[in-house]
């Protein structure tokens, strides 16, 4: 079983790419599942969401181990080496491929502002984008970096499939 961790800043396209990758696998008849930690932990107020996401991933992983799943696709922002270590604790280190969607900060902010329904969420996610960009220098984990600035979702999926074979 291979874990495809699709990571990047808020607004980089993690969820859209994960869904398109899932459709590609469906067409190719590859047994897979998408586990979106944001959907697992959609709760308000947002206290302790990070741990809830990890706990949800751990529980679901145990359920899916019993199936003949070839790939697990997980869209998740990884802010630090410690974040990746937490995911590796759940899934192990050998099966995880980290695919990082790289988008410039101005484009990311435009995307999150355009998609969010109100000023509260626009400001919150703009702040998260800026924090992600600042934290990027502290990360040392290896990843397959995909430039996702001016590419369609299909082009990004094609590049992921070509680079993970």
Protein backbone atom coordinates (compact mmCIF):
# COMPACT_ATOMS: atom_id res chain seq x y z
CA UNK A 1 0.00 0.00 0.00
CA UNK A 2 1.31 3.42 -0.95
CA UNK A 3 0.42 6.62 0.88
CA UNK A 4 0.38 9.69 -1.37
CA UNK A 5 0.53 12.71 0.90
CA UNK A 6 -0.49 15.73 -1.19
CA UNK A 7 0.78 18.76 0.70
CA UNK A 8 1.21 22.47 0.21
CA UNK A 9 -0.09 25.75 1.49
CA UNK A 10 -3.79 26.49 1.86
CA UNK A 11 -4.96 27.36 -1.66
CA UNK A 12 -2.33 25.25 -3.44
CA UNK A 13 -4.92 22.81 -4.79
CA UNK A 14 -4.42 19.80 -2.51
CA UNK A 15 -8.09 18.80 -2.39
CA UNK A 16 -8.75 19.44 -6.10
CA UNK A 17 -5.64 17.49 -7.10
CA UNK A 18 -6.52 14.64 -4.71
CA UNK A 19 -10.01 14.37 -6.18
CA UNK A 20 -8.68 14.45 -9.76
CA UNK A 21 -6.03 11.84 -8.88
CA UNK A 22 -8.79 9.70 -7.41
CA UNK A 23 -10.74 9.94 -10.66
CA UNK A 24 -7.63 9.00 -12.66
CA UNK A 25 -7.16 5.93 -10.44
CA UNK A 26 -10.84 5.02 -10.82
CA UNK A 27 -10.56 5.13 -14.62
CA UNK A 28 -7.35 3.06 -14.43
CA UNK A 29 -9.06 0.67 -11.97
CA UNK A 30 -6.50 1.24 -9.22
CA UNK A 31 -7.95 0.44 -5.79
CA UNK A 32 -7.57 3.56 -3.71
CA UNK A 33 -9.20 5.85 -1.20
CA UNK A 34 -9.00 9.56 -0.45
CA UNK A 35 -8.93 10.48 3.21
CA UNK A 36 -9.33 14.23 3.67
CA UNK A 37 -8.38 15.18 7.24
CA UNK A 38 -10.15 18.54 6.84
CA UNK A 39 -13.41 16.66 6.32
CA UNK A 40 -12.71 14.39 9.28
CA UNK A 41 -12.24 17.41 11.54
CA UNK A 42 -14.79 19.91 10.25
CA UNK A 43 -15.86 21.28 13.60
CA UNK A 44 -16.45 24.63 15.23
CA UNK A 45 -14.89 26.00 17.36
CA UNK A 46 -11.59 24.86 15.95
CA UNK A 47 -9.85 23.83 19.17
CA UNK A 48 -7.40 20.92 18.88
CA UNK A 49 -8.22 20.14 15.26
CA UNK A 50 -4.71 18.96 14.48
CA UNK A 51 -4.87 16.08 16.96
CA UNK A 52 -8.41 15.23 15.83
CA UNK A 53 -7.15 14.96 12.25
CA UNK A 54 -4.31 12.64 13.30
CA UNK A 55 -6.62 10.49 15.42
CA UNK A 56 -9.09 10.25 12.53
CA UNK A 57 -6.34 9.25 10.10
CA UNK A 58 -5.08 6.56 12.49
CA UNK A 59 -8.56 5.07 12.96
CA UNK A 60 -9.41 5.09 9.26
CA UNK A 61 -6.04 3.63 8.30
CA UNK A 62 -6.68 0.61 10.53
CA UNK A 63 -10.04 0.07 8.82
CA UNK A 64 -8.60 0.30 5.32
CA UNK A 65 -5.68 -2.04 6.02
CA UNK A 66 -8.16 -4.90 5.75
CA UNK A 67 -9.09 -3.96 2.18
CA UNK A 68 -7.05 -4.40 -0.99
CA UNK A 69 -6.28 -0.70 -1.24
CA UNK A 70 -3.26 0.09 -3.43
CA UNK A 71 -3.11 3.81 -2.72
CA UNK A 72 -4.29 6.13 0.01
CA UNK A 73 -4.43 9.77 -1.08
CA UNK A 74 -4.27 12.32 1.73
CA UNK A 75 -4.49 16.08 1.12
CA UNK A 76 -2.87 17.64 4.19
CA UNK A 77 -0.83 20.74 4.91
CA UNK A 78 2.49 19.72 6.46
CA UNK A 79 3.95 22.75 8.22
CA UNK A 80 7.03 21.15 9.73
CA UNK A 81 9.22 18.09 9.95
CA UNK A 82 7.35 17.24 13.17
CA UNK A 83 4.03 17.24 11.26
CA UNK A 84 5.46 14.71 8.81
CA UNK A 85 6.83 12.60 11.68
CA UNK A 86 3.33 12.47 13.18
CA UNK A 87 1.91 11.18 9.89
CA UNK A 88 4.78 8.68 9.60
CA UNK A 89 3.94 7.39 13.07
CA UNK A 90 0.51 6.44 11.74
CA UNK A 91 1.48 5.04 8.33
CA UNK A 92 5.14 4.11 8.68
CA UNK A 93 8.01 5.73 6.83
CA UNK A 94 8.53 3.42 3.86
CA UNK A 95 5.18 3.76 2.12
CA UNK A 96 4.76 7.53 2.15
CA UNK A 97 5.40 9.70 -0.90
CA UNK A 98 5.22 13.39 -0.08
CA UNK A 99 4.07 15.44 -3.06
CA UNK A 100 4.28 19.17 -2.43
CA UNK A 101 2.30 21.57 -4.59
CA UNK A 102 4.34 24.75 -4.95
CA UNK A 103 2.51 28.00 -5.69
CA UNK A 104 3.69 31.58 -5.19
CA UNK A 105 2.27 33.42 -2.17
CA UNK A 106 0.34 36.10 -4.10
CA UNK A 107 -1.49 33.45 -6.14
CA UNK A 108 -2.26 31.47 -2.97
CA UNK A 109 -3.77 34.51 -1.25
CA UNK A 110 -5.87 35.34 -4.34
CA UNK A 111 -7.15 31.74 -4.41
CA UNK A 112 -8.13 31.54 -0.74
CA UNK A 113 -9.79 34.96 -0.77
CA UNK A 114 -11.78 34.03 -3.90
CA UNK A 115 -13.05 30.73 -2.50
CA UNK A 116 -13.95 31.75 1.03
CA UNK A 117 -17.49 32.98 1.78
CA UNK A 118 -16.74 35.79 4.20
CA UNK A 119 -14.09 38.14 5.50
CA UNK A 120 -13.43 36.05 8.64
CA UNK A 121 -12.31 33.00 6.62
CA UNK A 122 -10.56 35.11 3.98
CA UNK A 123 -8.42 36.77 6.65
CA UNK A 124 -7.82 33.52 8.54
CA UNK A 125 -6.65 31.62 5.46
CA UNK A 126 -4.59 34.56 4.16
CA UNK A 127 -2.77 34.50 7.51
CA UNK A 128 -2.26 30.74 7.24
CA UNK A 129 -0.79 31.15 3.73
CA UNK A 130 1.67 33.76 5.03
CA UNK A 131 2.61 31.56 8.01
CA UNK A 132 3.12 28.55 5.72
CA UNK A 133 5.43 30.62 3.50
CA UNK A 134 7.46 31.80 6.51
CA UNK A 135 7.72 28.24 7.89
CA UNK A 136 8.82 26.80 4.57
CA UNK A 137 12.49 27.53 5.33
CA UNK A 138 12.39 25.32 8.44
CA UNK A 139 11.24 22.18 6.65
CA UNK A 140 13.88 19.65 5.65
CA UNK A 141 11.84 16.60 4.61
CA UNK A 142 12.16 15.23 1.09
CA UNK A 143 9.28 15.71 -1.28
CA UNK A 144 8.40 15.56 -4.93
CA UNK A 145 7.85 19.23 -5.70
CA UNK A 146 5.27 20.06 -8.35
CA UNK A 147 5.09 23.63 -9.65
CA UNK A 148 1.33 24.24 -9.57
CA UNK A 149 1.31 27.94 -10.44
CA UNK A 150 -0.04 28.03 -13.97
CA UNK A 151 -1.00 24.42 -14.59
CA UNK A 152 -4.39 22.81 -14.89
CA UNK A 153 -5.39 20.15 -12.39
CA UNK A 154 -5.05 17.56 -15.16
CA UNK A 155 -1.48 18.68 -15.89
CA UNK A 156 -0.60 18.45 -12.20
CA UNK A 157 -2.09 14.94 -11.95
CA UNK A 158 -0.17 13.90 -15.07
CA UNK A 159 3.05 15.16 -13.49
CA UNK A 160 2.33 13.37 -10.20
CA UNK A 161 1.64 10.10 -12.01
CA UNK A 162 4.82 10.45 -14.07
CA UNK A 163 6.97 11.25 -11.05
CA UNK A 164 5.65 8.53 -8.72
CA UNK A 165 5.95 5.54 -11.06
